Amino acid sequence: MIRAFLSHSSADKKHYVRIVAEKIGLDKCVYDEYTFDFGLQPIEEILKNLDESQIFVVFLSEAALLSDWVQKEILHAHERLDDNNLKRVFPIIIDPKITHRDGRIPQWIRDDYNLKYVSKPTIAARRIRQRLREISWQLNPKLKELKEIFVGRNILISMIEERIDNFDMETPICFIASGIPHIGRSTLLRYSLVKSNITRPSYDFPSILLRREEGLEDFIIKVYDLGFSNIEYPSNLMSMDINERINIAEGIVRDVQAAKEVVLIRDESCIINFTCEIQPWFDELLNRIAQTQNPTFIISSRYRPRNDHLRTRPHAFSVAVPELDFTERRGLLKRLTEFEGINLTREDFAFFTGLLHGYPDQVRFTSDLIKDYGVIAAKKESYQISEYNSEKSAILLSKYSSNQEILDFLYLLSEFEFISLDFLDSLGMDFNYIPIVNELIATCICDYVGIEREFIRLNDAIRDYVRRNRFELPAFYKSKLQKHLEDFFANPNEQDRDVSDISYSIKSGIKAGKSISEKYLIPSHFLKSMRELYQERGNLDRVIELADILLKKKHLLDPRVEQDVRYYLCLSLARKRDSRLLKEVQSIKGPEHNFLLGFYYRLQGRAKDAIEKLEECINHQLVSSRAKRELVQVLLSIEEYQAAHILAESNYKENRYNPFHIQAYFNVIINSKESDEHSVILQRLIKELRSIGSEVSVQMADIATAEYIAKYEKNYQRAKDILEDAVVNLTVQSFAELCVQRQYILKWLSAL
């Protein structure tokens, strides 16, 4: 049994360490109240239990640093660590008056460990359980070495160093690296701060993820969950005005600064949106905390703040991260293949580097492909390298197409924006999922979030792919999640739960119409529920109801959040062909205004009006893909196949694994003049639909097969049989999705 030895002062027992011991589990820790006999334990018994433990946890406080007993335990733990009889030492600061520079802390702990203040025992318990897991998993040490491989970016690193060293300006407290996902933004920032001697190479940045539909409230809760602040759980946020919420955020961030921490924010259009503006609440927060001389945040962002915006804000500094240049691609591939023990000839090396486009993930994928297949077979499969960026999700998942256990686990992860390992444990998994997690991390399908990597998140492209195709979650996962939700609503105590648990459970409760205390609610809970309900097409009336609830409190909403709420409200009204949309859409500005009107007009059968509105926004980056898809449907409905062909083919080539784009492209071609070339393309499209494997794509493939047989094989009875079976087997949500786009299906059935 793997156990943790809990070293502490008796003064910290009642209010902290006892709670930690109970949360960890008494069979997993050595704790004097439960492990030792009466009275003061003899040194022999301490040493015996220390010898039987794999982790030594020392709770550092004023009382502990004055305790001779704790100092003795630290000394003996150090001896066992040097002799490899102890796997790990894990020091935790539990007293806000103690810093990592305190001279009473042994030098070897200060030099070798990331000393962090953890205010809450429940959070400390989560951290310790994570350390216990790491040992029990026996993580592959090569993963750490692999992650630390870094090449190039010299100009960007120099820019950051020069800004830090500029004595005529204040040191920025916020560094921003912008660019497309998976281009190496956070890696660049990490490396730059290490090179500038701001953080140590061993430092793990506590990290949070902020999505477009999230706001100040989510920032507050997620930074609070890192465990640096000792205030009560932030509650009733929806009843506060913006200044009150910023005050809370400021207090929590000042606790982060006091702990000398730097938080990594993975920003997906929450702090910096597509207009390239920093959100006013974050801007105000930076202004308030700008007195410190050390960075507080590093932000990995899709969008770069405007230069004119940054010029008046010396506390923030931004760099744009481009693709790796040719030399950097070669250097990274060389390092990775050497790391894997792969010897490439000069010709082979030139062949593979010639396929690369500058994405670090693509280079890593290339190295893995060569490792898995060998050089000759990897060359035959080299189309995967060329298509990696545009077809990333399908290519990565294809590796596990025959491993249902991993696929099922991925479908589970897709239910969450991020999920803690504690949460996974609480579900009572019936198998060892740890090797799967390690594999998914190594292949860039997942990555870590949190202060001690205690959360995992599915790569956004993979998550969107799974959810768009609506792969079915296995029944045993559904039952586990249902039981967890029942437990949550019976005991929602936030002190015992992490942010991933609270967020998922509240969102599920909102979708199901359960009564939830306003104490826990924040706007993004509603917005995420609305988005998922709309995507599932299960209950559009509930989407409208939730939007109306939020809009009654619009004076408390971030303007961007209000716009997103209205957007899903209008989408749902359009789906229901409700003329109320015409009023609500007037409150939405920009290209989404025209898109929503075009979408509504299409569903109303007003093709001319739909085309006019969709063409007005088709070239705008924010809605371009959506607008082109809708325009194809309009043109198909009025049998303008030639005009639809260009758009449908463009959409298909941009995302060949989106079943709706495949279906639209198929519809264009099937209605064109018959030819042998078209026959080959149509068969390929049917095969691609079926290979995706989701319920929706398979049903699309069945209907497409019926159409193909009717037109090209002239076997009308067989086509009718296949089509009737396909329509009968449609689920409610699939029927709504498919038949809205294919209004002529039932007419065709009658004609046959």
Foldseek 3Di string as FASTA:
>chain_A
DAAEEEQEAPVCCPVADVVLCVLLDVVRYCDCVPNHDDDDDDPVVVLVVLLVHQEYEYEDDPRLLVDPVSVVSVVSNVVCVVVVSHNYYHYEYQYLVDALPPPSPDPVCSVPHDYFHFPHNLLVSLLVVVVSVCVVLVFDPVLVVLVPDDDDPVVVLVVLLCLLPPPVFFHAQEEEEAADPQLCRVVSVLVSCCVSVLDPPPADAAEDEDAQLDELVVLLQALVLLRQDNDPRQWLLLVDALVVSLVSVLRSLVSLVSRSHAYEYEYHQHQQHPVQAGAPSVVVSCVVPVPDRHHRYYYYYHHHHDPVRCVVPSNYYYDYRDFADLVRLLVLLVVLLVSVVHDDDPVLSVVLSVLDDRRSLLSLVLSVLCSVQNSVVCVVVVVCSNCCVLAVQVSVCVVCPPPVVLVLVLLLLLLFQKAFVVRVVQLVDPDPCVVSVSVCCSSVQKAAHGNNSRMIHGDPVNSCLCLLLVADNDPSSVVSVVVLLVVCVVPVPVSNDGPRSLLSSLLVCLLVVHDDDSGSDDLSSLLVSLVSCVSLVPPLVSLLVSLVVVVVSCSRDRVSSNLSSLLSNLVSCLLVLHPVSVVSLVSHDDLSSLQSQLSSCVLVVVLVSNLVSLVVNCPPPVCNLVSLLSNLLSCVVVPVLVVSQVSLVVSCVSHVLNLSSLLSNLSSLLSDDDDPVSLVSLVVSLVSLVVSPGPLSPLSSLLSVLSCCCRPVVPNVVSLVSLVVSQVPDDPSSCSVVCSSVVCSVVVNVVD
